[in-house]
PDB file of N, CA and C in Angstrom:
ATOM      1  N   UNK A   1       5.790 -14.376  27.230  1.00  0.00           N
ATOM      2  CA  UNK A   1       6.848 -15.029  27.946  1.00  0.00           C
ATOM      3  C   UNK A   1       7.709 -15.800  26.941  1.00  0.00           C
ATOM      4  N   UNK A   2       8.999 -15.684  27.076  1.00  0.00           N
ATOM      5  CA  UNK A   2       9.918 -16.323  26.146  1.00  0.00           C
ATOM      6  C   UNK A   2      10.219 -17.751  26.591  1.00  0.00           C
ATOM      7  N   UNK A   3      10.237 -18.683  25.647  1.00  0.00           N
ATOM      8  CA  UNK A   3      10.544 -20.071  25.936  1.00  0.00           C
ATOM      9  C   UNK A   3      12.055 -20.253  25.966  1.00  0.00           C
ATOM     10  N   UNK A   4      12.589 -20.852  27.028  1.00  0.00           N
ATOM     11  CA  UNK A   4      14.028 -21.020  27.177  1.00  0.00           C
ATOM     12  C   UNK A   4      14.487 -22.446  26.892  1.00  0.00           C
ATOM     13  N   UNK A   5      13.665 -23.237  26.256  1.00  0.00           N
ATOM     14  CA  UNK A   5      14.060 -24.599  25.909  1.00  0.00           C
ATOM     15  C   UNK A   5      15.114 -24.548  24.812  1.00  0.00           C
ATOM     16  N   UNK A   6      16.201 -25.264  25.019  1.00  0.00           N
ATOM     17  CA  UNK A   6      17.222 -25.261  23.968  1.00  0.00           C
ATOM     18  C   UNK A   6      17.228 -26.606  23.260  1.00  0.00           C
ATOM     19  N   UNK A   7      17.247 -26.539  21.983  1.00  0.00           N
ATOM     20  CA  UNK A   7      17.251 -27.728  21.142  1.00  0.00           C
ATOM     21  C   UNK A   7      18.687 -27.960  20.712  1.00  0.00           C
ATOM     22  N   UNK A   8      19.259 -29.099  21.110  1.00  0.00           N
ATOM     23  CA  UNK A   8      20.687 -29.301  20.929  1.00  0.00           C
ATOM     24  C   UNK A   8      21.043 -30.243  19.785  1.00  0.00           C
ATOM     25  N   UNK A   9      20.126 -30.526  18.905  1.00  0.00           N
ATOM     26  CA  UNK A   9      20.414 -31.436  17.801  1.00  0.00           C
ATOM     27  C   UNK A   9      21.210 -30.711  16.721  1.00  0.00           C
ATOM     28  N   UNK A  10      22.126 -31.442  16.125  1.00  0.00           N
ATOM     29  CA  UNK A  10      22.904 -30.873  15.024  1.00  0.00           C
ATOM     30  C   UNK A  10      22.168 -31.107  13.708  1.00  0.00           C
ATOM     31  N   UNK A  11      22.653 -30.467  12.680  1.00  0.00           N
ATOM     32  CA  UNK A  11      22.089 -30.681  11.347  1.00  0.00           C
ATOM     33  C   UNK A  11      22.237 -32.152  10.956  1.00  0.00           C
ATOM     34  N   UNK A  12      23.364 -32.758  11.302  1.00  0.00           N
ATOM     35  CA  UNK A  12      23.593 -34.177  11.000  1.00  0.00           C
ATOM     36  C   UNK A  12      22.559 -35.051  11.715  1.00  0.00           C
ATOM     37  N   UNK A  13      22.229 -34.714  12.964  1.00  0.00           N
ATOM     38  CA  UNK A  13      21.206 -35.457  13.699  1.00  0.00           C
ATOM     39  C   UNK A  13      19.861 -35.372  12.983  1.00  0.00           C
ATOM     40  N   UNK A  14      19.520 -34.183  12.521  1.00  0.00           N
ATOM     41  CA  UNK A  14      18.249 -33.983  11.810  1.00  0.00           C
ATOM     42  C   UNK A  14      18.241 -34.740  10.481  1.00  0.00           C
ATOM     43  N   UNK A  15      19.370 -34.720   9.782  1.00  0.00           N
ATOM     44  CA  UNK A  15      19.470 -35.452   8.516  1.00  0.00           C
ATOM     45  C   UNK A  15      19.300 -36.954   8.746  1.00  0.00           C
ATOM     46  N   UNK A  16      19.871 -37.469   9.823  1.00  0.00           N
ATOM     47  CA  UNK A  16      19.714 -38.894  10.135  1.00  0.00           C
ATOM     48  C   UNK A  16      18.259 -39.227  10.435  1.00  0.00           C
ATOM     49  N   UNK A  17      17.575 -38.317  11.127  1.00  0.00           N
ATOM     50  CA  UNK A  17      16.167 -38.536  11.438  1.00  0.00           C
ATOM     51  C   UNK A  17      15.336 -38.574  10.162  1.00  0.00           C
ATOM     52  N   UNK A  18      15.586 -37.638   9.256  1.00  0.00           N
ATOM     53  CA  UNK A  18      14.875 -37.620   7.971  1.00  0.00           C
ATOM     54  C   UNK A  18      15.176 -38.917   7.220  1.00  0.00           C
ATOM     55  N   UNK A  19      16.420 -39.321   7.182  1.00  0.00           N
ATOM     56  CA  UNK A  19      16.803 -40.548   6.472  1.00  0.00           C
ATOM     57  C   UNK A  19      16.084 -41.769   7.048  1.00  0.00           C
ATOM     58  N   UNK A  20      15.948 -41.821   8.378  1.00  0.00           N
ATOM     59  CA  UNK A  20      15.285 -42.954   9.020  1.00  0.00           C
ATOM     60  C   UNK A  20      13.813 -43.044   8.629  1.00  0.00           C
ATOM     61  N   UNK A  21      13.111 -41.901   8.574  1.00  0.00           N
ATOM     62  CA  UNK A  21      11.676 -41.907   8.296  1.00  0.00           C
ATOM     63  C   UNK A  21      11.336 -41.733   6.817  1.00  0.00           C
ATOM     64  N   UNK A  22      12.310 -41.447   5.976  1.00  0.00           N
ATOM     65  CA  UNK A  22      12.088 -41.212   4.550  1.00  0.00           C
ATOM     66  C   UNK A  22      11.801 -42.539   3.843  1.00  0.00           C
ATOM     67  N   UNK A  23      10.533 -42.834   3.616  1.00  0.00           N
ATOM     68  CA  UNK A  23      10.133 -44.147   3.097  1.00  0.00           C
ATOM     69  C   UNK A  23      10.542 -44.398   1.651  1.00  0.00           C
ATOM     70  N   UNK A  24      10.692 -43.342   0.852  1.00  0.00           N
ATOM     71  CA  UNK A  24      11.066 -43.559  -0.552  1.00  0.00           C
ATOM     72  C   UNK A  24      12.495 -43.099  -0.863  1.00  0.00           C
ATOM     73  N   UNK A  25      13.258 -42.809   0.200  1.00  0.00           N
ATOM     74  CA  UNK A  25      14.675 -42.447   0.069  1.00  0.00           C
ATOM     75  C   UNK A  25      14.939 -41.303  -0.916  1.00  0.00           C
ATOM     76  N   UNK A  26      14.048 -40.293  -0.911  1.00  0.00           N
ATOM     77  CA  UNK A  26      14.267 -39.142  -1.790  1.00  0.00           C
ATOM     78  C   UNK A  26      14.855 -37.950  -1.038  1.00  0.00           C
ATOM     79  N   UNK A  27      15.173 -38.145   0.246  1.00  0.00           N
ATOM     80  CA  UNK A  27      15.765 -37.079   1.043  1.00  0.00           C
ATOM     81  C   UNK A  27      14.761 -36.086   1.593  1.00  0.00           C
ATOM     82  N   UNK A  28      13.464 -36.374   1.415  1.00  0.00           N
ATOM     83  CA  UNK A  28      12.396 -35.481   1.855  1.00  0.00           C
ATOM     84  C   UNK A  28      11.346 -36.300   2.597  1.00  0.00           C
ATOM     85  N   UNK A  29      10.840 -35.749   3.682  1.00  0.00           N
ATOM     86  CA  UNK A  29       9.746 -36.420   4.384  1.00  0.00           C
ATOM     87  C   UNK A  29       8.420 -36.071   3.733  1.00  0.00           C
ATOM     88  N   UNK A  30       7.701 -37.089   3.304  1.00  0.00           N
ATOM     89  CA  UNK A  30       6.346 -36.868   2.804  1.00  0.00           C
ATOM     90  C   UNK A  30       5.435 -36.654   4.014  1.00  0.00           C
ATOM     91  N   UNK A  31       4.197 -36.312   3.760  1.00  0.00           N
ATOM     92  CA  UNK A  31       3.253 -36.131   4.859  1.00  0.00           C
ATOM     93  C   UNK A  31       3.081 -37.440   5.627  1.00  0.00           C
ATOM     94  N   UNK A  32       3.015 -38.548   4.914  1.00  0.00           N
ATOM     95  CA  UNK A  32       2.885 -39.864   5.554  1.00  0.00           C
ATOM     96  C   UNK A  32       4.119 -40.166   6.411  1.00  0.00           C
ATOM     97  N   UNK A  33       5.316 -39.842   5.900  1.00  0.00           N
ATOM     98  CA  UNK A  33       6.549 -40.028   6.677  1.00  0.00           C
ATOM     99  C   UNK A  33       6.497 -39.174   7.955  1.00  0.00           C
ATOM    100  N   UNK A  34       6.053 -37.932   7.811  1.00  0.00           N
ATOM    101  CA  UNK A  34       5.949 -37.012   8.940  1.00  0.00           C
ATOM    102  C   UNK A  34       4.968 -37.563   9.974  1.00  0.00           C
ATOM    103  N   UNK A  35       3.852 -38.099   9.507  1.00  0.00           N
ATOM    104  CA  UNK A  35       2.884 -38.712  10.418  1.00  0.00           C
ATOM    105  C   UNK A  35       3.514 -39.907  11.135  1.00  0.00           C
ATOM    106  N   UNK A  36       4.276 -40.701  10.405  1.00  0.00           N
ATOM    107  CA  UNK A  36       4.926 -41.870  10.992  1.00  0.00           C
ATOM    108  C   UNK A  36       5.844 -41.447  12.141  1.00  0.00           C
ATOM    109  N   UNK A  37       6.505 -40.325  11.966  1.00  0.00           N
ATOM    110  CA  UNK A  37       7.417 -39.830  12.990  1.00  0.00           C
ATOM    111  C   UNK A  37       6.649 -39.309  14.209  1.00  0.00           C
ATOM    112  N   UNK A  38       5.528 -38.638  13.987  1.00  0.00           N
ATOM    113  CA  UNK A  38       4.838 -37.960  15.083  1.00  0.00           C
ATOM    114  C   UNK A  38       3.771 -38.779  15.783  1.00  0.00           C
ATOM    115  N   UNK A  39       3.113 -39.661  15.060  1.00  0.00           N
ATOM    116  CA  UNK A  39       1.993 -40.387  15.660  1.00  0.00           C
ATOM    117  C   UNK A  39       2.472 -41.588  16.471  1.00  0.00           C
ATOM    118  N   UNK A  40       1.701 -41.958  17.493  1.00  0.00           N
ATOM    119  CA  UNK A  40       2.096 -43.105  18.315  1.00  0.00           C
ATOM    120  C   UNK A  40       2.155 -44.381  17.478  1.00  0.00           C
ATOM    121  N   UNK A  41       3.205 -45.146  17.647  1.00  0.00           N
ATOM    122  CA  UNK A  41       3.325 -46.378  16.853  1.00  0.00           C
ATOM    123  C   UNK A  41       3.019 -47.626  17.671  1.00  0.00           C
ATOM    124  N   UNK A  42       2.987 -47.527  19.003  1.00  0.00           N
ATOM    125  CA  UNK A  42       2.707 -48.709  19.831  1.00  0.00           C
ATOM    126  C   UNK A  42       1.241 -48.839  20.208  1.00  0.00           C
ATOM    127  N   UNK A  43       0.465 -47.790  19.975  1.00  0.00           N
ATOM    128  CA  UNK A  43      -0.922 -47.782  20.399  1.00  0.00           C
ATOM    129  C   UNK A  43      -1.808 -47.466  19.199  1.00  0.00           C
ATOM    130  N   UNK A  44      -2.331 -48.518  18.573  1.00  0.00           N
ATOM    131  CA  UNK A  44      -3.131 -48.340  17.356  1.00  0.00           C
ATOM    132  C   UNK A  44      -4.412 -47.543  17.598  1.00  0.00           C
ATOM    133  N   UNK A  45      -5.054 -47.728  18.756  1.00  0.00           N
ATOM    134  CA  UNK A  45      -6.299 -46.997  19.005  1.00  0.00           C
ATOM    135  C   UNK A  45      -6.014 -45.502  19.191  1.00  0.00           C
ATOM    136  N   UNK A  46      -4.910 -45.160  19.838  1.00  0.00           N
ATOM    137  CA  UNK A  46      -4.544 -43.752  19.992  1.00  0.00           C
ATOM    138  C   UNK A  46      -4.162 -43.143  18.644  1.00  0.00           C
ATOM    139  N   UNK A  47      -3.468 -43.926  17.822  1.00  0.00           N
ATOM    140  CA  UNK A  47      -3.097 -43.455  16.485  1.00  0.00           C
ATOM    141  C   UNK A  47      -4.363 -43.217  15.648  1.00  0.00           C
ATOM    142  N   UNK A  48      -5.301 -44.155  15.704  1.00  0.00           N
ATOM    143  CA  UNK A  48      -6.557 -44.017  14.955  1.00  0.00           C
ATOM    144  C   UNK A  48      -7.349 -42.800  15.444  1.00  0.00           C
ATOM    145  N   UNK A  49      -7.332 -42.574  16.748  1.00  0.00           N
ATOM    146  CA  UNK A  49      -8.025 -41.420  17.309  1.00  0.00           C
ATOM    147  C   UNK A  49      -7.409 -40.123  16.784  1.00  0.00           C
ATOM    148  N   UNK A  50      -6.078 -40.061  16.759  1.00  0.00           N
ATOM    149  CA  UNK A  50      -5.392 -38.868  16.254  1.00  0.00           C
ATOM    150  C   UNK A  50      -5.677 -38.658  14.771  1.00  0.00           C
ATOM    151  N   UNK A  51      -5.676 -39.731  13.992  1.00  0.00           N
ATOM    152  CA  UNK A  51      -5.933 -39.620  12.551  1.00  0.00           C
ATOM    153  C   UNK A  51      -7.391 -39.296  12.251  1.00  0.00           C
ATOM    154  N   UNK A  52      -8.289 -39.639  13.171  1.00  0.00           N
ATOM    155  CA  UNK A  52      -9.714 -39.396  12.969  1.00  0.00           C
ATOM    156  C   UNK A  52     -10.155 -37.983  13.292  1.00  0.00           C
ATOM    157  N   UNK A  53      -9.290 -37.214  13.944  1.00  0.00           N
ATOM    158  CA  UNK A  53      -9.642 -35.835  14.281  1.00  0.00           C
ATOM    159  C   UNK A  53      -9.691 -34.994  13.011  1.00  0.00           C
ATOM    160  N   UNK A  54     -10.596 -34.018  12.974  1.00  0.00           N
ATOM    161  CA  UNK A  54     -10.650 -33.159  11.781  1.00  0.00           C
ATOM    162  C   UNK A  54      -9.372 -32.318  11.679  1.00  0.00           C
ATOM    163  N   UNK A  55      -8.942 -32.116  10.470  1.00  0.00           N
ATOM    164  CA  UNK A  55      -7.739 -31.313  10.230  1.00  0.00           C
ATOM    165  C   UNK A  55      -8.034 -29.850  10.524  1.00  0.00           C
ATOM    166  N   UNK A  56      -7.087 -29.194  11.122  1.00  0.00           N
ATOM    167  CA  UNK A  56      -7.203 -27.768  11.394  1.00  0.00           C
ATOM    168  C   UNK A  56      -6.394 -27.019  10.348  1.00  0.00           C
ATOM    169  N   UNK A  57      -7.030 -26.122   9.619  1.00  0.00           N
ATOM    170  CA  UNK A  57      -6.281 -25.371   8.606  1.00  0.00           C
ATOM    171  C   UNK A  57      -5.163 -24.546   9.263  1.00  0.00           C
ATOM    172  N   UNK A  58      -4.013 -24.530   8.626  1.00  0.00           N
ATOM    173  CA  UNK A  58      -2.873 -23.771   9.128  1.00  0.00           C
ATOM    174  C   UNK A  58      -2.398 -22.853   8.007  1.00  0.00           C
ATOM    175  N   UNK A  59      -2.247 -21.595   8.333  1.00  0.00           N
ATOM    176  CA  UNK A  59      -1.714 -20.627   7.375  1.00  0.00           C
ATOM    177  C   UNK A  59      -0.200 -20.768   7.402  1.00  0.00           C
ATOM    178  N   UNK A  60       0.388 -21.232   6.314  1.00  0.00           N
ATOM    179  CA  UNK A  60       1.825 -21.498   6.273  1.00  0.00           C
ATOM    180  C   UNK A  60       2.657 -20.231   6.376  1.00  0.00           C
ATOM    181  N   UNK A  61       2.023 -19.079   6.274  1.00  0.00           N
ATOM    182  CA  UNK A  61       2.749 -17.811   6.415  1.00  0.00           C
ATOM    183  C   UNK A  61       2.848 -17.379   7.876  1.00  0.00           C
ATOM    184  N   UNK A  62       2.153 -18.107   8.758  1.00  0.00           N
ATOM    185  CA  UNK A  62       2.154 -17.775  10.183  1.00  0.00           C
ATOM    186  C   UNK A  62       2.761 -18.923  10.975  1.00  0.00           C
ATOM    187  N   UNK A  63       3.199 -18.616  12.162  1.00  0.00           N
ATOM    188  CA  UNK A  63       3.765 -19.632  13.045  1.00  0.00           C
ATOM    189  C   UNK A  63       2.647 -20.424  13.712  1.00  0.00           C
ATOM    190  N   UNK A  64       2.987 -21.627  14.113  1.00  0.00           N
ATOM    191  CA  UNK A  64       2.061 -22.416  14.910  1.00  0.00           C
ATOM    192  C   UNK A  64       1.978 -21.808  16.304  1.00  0.00           C
ATOM    193  N   UNK A  65       0.890 -22.088  17.021  1.00  0.00           N
ATOM    194  CA  UNK A  65       0.842 -21.635  18.413  1.00  0.00           C
ATOM    195  C   UNK A  65       2.035 -22.217  19.190  1.00  0.00           C
ATOM    196  N   UNK A  66       2.521 -21.488  20.169  1.00  0.00           N
ATOM    197  CA  UNK A  66       3.725 -21.888  20.913  1.00  0.00           C
ATOM    198  C   UNK A  66       3.604 -23.284  21.528  1.00  0.00           C
ATOM    199  N   UNK A  67       2.428 -23.618  22.062  1.00  0.00           N
ATOM    200  CA  UNK A  67       2.288 -24.945  22.674  1.00  0.00           C
ATOM    201  C   UNK A  67       2.399 -26.046  21.625  1.00  0.00           C
ATOM    202  N   UNK A  68       1.946 -25.792  20.410  1.00  0.00           N
ATOM    203  CA  UNK A  68       2.077 -26.775  19.330  1.00  0.00           C
ATOM    204  C   UNK A  68       3.542 -26.915  18.914  1.00  0.00           C
ATOM    205  N   UNK A  69       4.228 -25.783  18.802  1.00  0.00           N
ATOM    206  CA  UNK A  69       5.652 -25.826  18.446  1.00  0.00           C
ATOM    207  C   UNK A  69       6.452 -26.593  19.494  1.00  0.00           C
ATOM    208  N   UNK A  70       6.164 -26.343  20.773  1.00  0.00           N
ATOM    209  CA  UNK A  70       6.878 -27.043  21.850  1.00  0.00           C
ATOM    210  C   UNK A  70       6.602 -28.542  21.803  1.00  0.00           C
ATOM    211  N   UNK A  71       5.357 -28.913  21.534  1.00  0.00           N
ATOM    212  CA  UNK A  71       5.009 -30.333  21.481  1.00  0.00           C
ATOM    213  C   UNK A  71       5.716 -31.020  20.298  1.00  0.00           C
ATOM    214  N   UNK A  72       5.727 -30.365  19.138  1.00  0.00           N
ATOM    215  CA  UNK A  72       6.444 -30.913  17.981  1.00  0.00           C
ATOM    216  C   UNK A  72       7.932 -31.031  18.266  1.00  0.00           C
ATOM    217  N   UNK A  73       8.497 -30.011  18.867  1.00  0.00           N
ATOM    218  CA  UNK A  73       9.909 -30.025  19.209  1.00  0.00           C
ATOM    219  C   UNK A  73      10.226 -31.166  20.166  1.00  0.00           C
ATOM    220  N   UNK A  74       9.368 -31.393  21.141  1.00  0.00           N
ATOM    221  CA  UNK A  74       9.597 -32.470  22.115  1.00  0.00           C
ATOM    222  C   UNK A  74       9.603 -33.835  21.427  1.00  0.00           C
ATOM    223  N   UNK A  75       8.679 -34.054  20.505  1.00  0.00           N
ATOM    224  CA  UNK A  75       8.632 -35.332  19.796  1.00  0.00           C
ATOM    225  C   UNK A  75       9.869 -35.501  18.915  1.00  0.00           C
ATOM    226  N   UNK A  76      10.216 -34.468  18.170  1.00  0.00           N
ATOM    227  CA  UNK A  76      11.371 -34.551  17.272  1.00  0.00           C
ATOM    228  C   UNK A  76      12.655 -34.745  18.077  1.00  0.00           C
ATOM    229  N   UNK A  77      12.798 -34.025  19.169  1.00  0.00           N
ATOM    230  CA  UNK A  77      13.994 -34.169  19.997  1.00  0.00           C
ATOM    231  C   UNK A  77      14.064 -35.566  20.611  1.00  0.00           C
ATOM    232  N   UNK A  78      12.920 -36.110  21.029  1.00  0.00           N
ATOM    233  CA  UNK A  78      12.904 -37.466  21.584  1.00  0.00           C
ATOM    234  C   UNK A  78      13.310 -38.493  20.521  1.00  0.00           C
ATOM    235  N   UNK A  79      12.840 -38.312  19.295  1.00  0.00           N
ATOM    236  CA  UNK A  79      13.217 -39.222  18.208  1.00  0.00           C
ATOM    237  C   UNK A  79      14.717 -39.136  17.925  1.00  0.00           C
ATOM    238  N   UNK A  80      15.259 -37.936  17.914  1.00  0.00           N
ATOM    239  CA  UNK A  80      16.695 -37.763  17.676  1.00  0.00           C
ATOM    240  C   UNK A  80      17.496 -38.395  18.806  1.00  0.00           C
ATOM    241  N   UNK A  81      17.078 -38.169  20.046  1.00  0.00           N
ATOM    242  CA  UNK A  81      17.787 -38.758  21.184  1.00  0.00           C
ATOM    243  C   UNK A  81      17.720 -40.282  21.159  1.00  0.00           C
ATOM    244  N   UNK A  82      16.570 -40.820  20.758  1.00  0.00           N
ATOM    245  CA  UNK A  82      16.446 -42.269  20.631  1.00  0.00           C
ATOM    246  C   UNK A  82      17.394 -42.806  19.562  1.00  0.00           C
ATOM    247  N   UNK A  83      17.449 -42.142  18.425  1.00  0.00           N
ATOM    248  CA  UNK A  83      18.345 -42.570  17.347  1.00  0.00           C
ATOM    249  C   UNK A  83      19.803 -42.508  17.792  1.00  0.00           C
ATOM    250  N   UNK A  84      20.181 -41.447  18.517  1.00  0.00           N
ATOM    251  CA  UNK A  84      21.552 -41.335  19.031  1.00  0.00           C
ATOM    252  C   UNK A  84      21.856 -42.478  20.003  1.00  0.00           C
ATOM    253  N   UNK A  85      20.909 -42.774  20.874  1.00  0.00           N
ATOM    254  CA  UNK A  85      21.097 -43.829  21.857  1.00  0.00           C
ATOM    255  C   UNK A  85      21.244 -45.190  21.176  1.00  0.00           C
ATOM    256  N   UNK A  86      20.404 -45.465  20.194  1.00  0.00           N
ATOM    257  CA  UNK A  86      20.481 -46.730  19.460  1.00  0.00           C
ATOM    258  C   UNK A  86      21.826 -46.853  18.752  1.00  0.00           C
ATOM    259  N   UNK A  87      22.273 -45.761  18.131  1.00  0.00           N
ATOM    260  CA  UNK A  87      23.568 -45.777  17.438  1.00  0.00           C
ATOM    261  C   UNK A  87      24.706 -46.020  18.413  1.00  0.00           C
ATOM    262  N   UNK A  88      24.638 -45.408  19.563  1.00  0.00           N
ATOM    263  CA  UNK A  88      25.655 -45.599  20.595  1.00  0.00           C
ATOM    264  C   UNK A  88      25.674 -47.049  21.082  1.00  0.00           C
ATOM    265  N   UNK A  89      24.502 -47.614  21.279  1.00  0.00           N
ATOM    266  CA  UNK A  89      24.414 -49.015  21.708  1.00  0.00           C
ATOM    267  C   UNK A  89      24.960 -49.954  20.641  1.00  0.00           C
ATOM    268  N   UNK A  90      24.685 -49.656  19.362  1.00  0.00           N
ATOM    269  CA  UNK A  90      25.218 -50.472  18.261  1.00  0.00           C
ATOM    270  C   UNK A  90      26.741 -50.453  18.270  1.00  0.00           C
ATOM    271  N   UNK A  91      27.316 -49.250  18.395  1.00  0.00           N
ATOM    272  CA  UNK A  91      28.772 -49.118  18.400  1.00  0.00           C
ATOM    273  C   UNK A  91      29.379 -49.840  19.593  1.00  0.00           C
ATOM    274  N   UNK A  92      28.738 -49.714  20.742  1.00  0.00           N
ATOM    275  CA  UNK A  92      29.223 -50.378  21.944  1.00  0.00           C
ATOM    276  C   UNK A  92      29.189 -51.903  21.772  1.00  0.00           C
ATOM    277  N   UNK A  93      28.125 -52.394  21.201  1.00  0.00           N
ATOM    278  CA  UNK A  93      27.995 -53.834  20.975  1.00  0.00           C
ATOM    279  C   UNK A  93      29.041 -54.326  19.974  1.00  0.00           C
ATOM    280  N   UNK A  94      29.221 -53.589  18.890  1.00  0.00           N
ATOM    281  CA  UNK A  94      30.170 -53.997  17.861  1.00  0.00           C
ATOM    282  C   UNK A  94      31.616 -53.960  18.348  1.00  0.00           C
ATOM    283  N   UNK A  95      31.916 -53.075  19.285  1.00  0.00           N
ATOM    284  CA  UNK A  95      33.283 -52.996  19.788  1.00  0.00           C
ATOM    285  C   UNK A  95      33.543 -53.961  20.938  1.00  0.00           C
ATOM    286  N   UNK A  96      32.512 -54.660  21.354  1.00  0.00           N
ATOM    287  CA  UNK A  96      32.652 -55.644  22.428  1.00  0.00           C
ATOM    288  C   UNK A  96      33.525 -56.810  21.967  1.00  0.00           C
ATOM    289  N   UNK A  97      34.376 -57.298  22.859  1.00  0.00           N
ATOM    290  CA  UNK A  97      35.304 -58.392  22.520  1.00  0.00           C
ATOM    291  C   UNK A  97      34.571 -59.661  22.092  1.00  0.00           C
ATOM    292  N   UNK A  98      33.453 -59.940  22.720  1.00  0.00           N
ATOM    293  CA  UNK A  98      32.754 -61.191  22.428  1.00  0.00           C
ATOM    294  C   UNK A  98      31.620 -61.035  21.409  1.00  0.00           C
ATOM    295  N   UNK A  99      31.584 -59.918  20.694  1.00  0.00           N
ATOM    296  CA  UNK A  99      30.539 -59.698  19.686  1.00  0.00           C
ATOM    297  C   UNK A  99      30.850 -60.498  18.433  1.00  0.00           C
ATOM    298  N   UNK A 100      29.861 -61.231  17.969  1.00  0.00           N
ATOM    299  CA  UNK A 100      30.002 -62.006  16.734  1.00  0.00           C
ATOM    300  C   UNK A 100      28.694 -61.864  15.965  1.00  0.00           C
ATOM    301  N   UNK A 101      28.758 -61.231  14.800  1.00  0.00           N
ATOM    302  CA  UNK A 101      27.564 -60.974  14.006  1.00  0.00           C
ATOM    303  C   UNK A 101      26.821 -62.257  13.677  1.00  0.00           C
ATOM    304  N   UNK A 102      27.531 -63.290  13.287  1.00  0.00           N
ATOM    305  CA  UNK A 102      26.872 -64.571  12.962  1.00  0.00           C
ATOM    306  C   UNK A 102      26.185 -65.175  14.168  1.00  0.00           C
ATOM    307  N   UNK A 103      26.815 -65.093  15.327  1.00  0.00           N
ATOM    308  CA  UNK A 103      26.217 -65.655  16.547  1.00  0.00           C
ATOM    309  C   UNK A 103      24.948 -64.901  16.935  1.00  0.00           C
ATOM    310  N   UNK A 104      24.857 -63.614  16.555  1.00  0.00           N
ATOM    311  CA  UNK A 104      23.668 -62.834  16.863  1.00  0.00           C
ATOM    312  C   UNK A 104      22.431 -63.376  16.171  1.00  0.00           C
ATOM    313  N   UNK A 105      22.662 -64.031  15.023  1.00  0.00           N
ATOM    314  CA  UNK A 105      21.538 -64.610  14.295  1.00  0.00           C
ATOM    315  C   UNK A 105      21.434 -66.073  14.571  1.00  0.00           C
TER     316      UNK A 105
END
């Protein structure tokens, strides 16, 4: 069965996501950066549980199972949508007549 989910992020959206999680600013996500993006950040026990699971070997010449690809896509798309929303809120706040950067602090 073919998956009809469409991923609507642009290359610029993906680059912004990499930039946000890139801890050493080298333009590449390390494994730790990738984990930071995918693992739960509000629930330490769930994060520890995920990190404690044994690693499953993956043949890089083969695709991940479809359910794994969909789950990864959902997380990445949610992160991109969150970043877009935050950026939109920032712009809206900055263009507000009564916005004052000094007063914010």
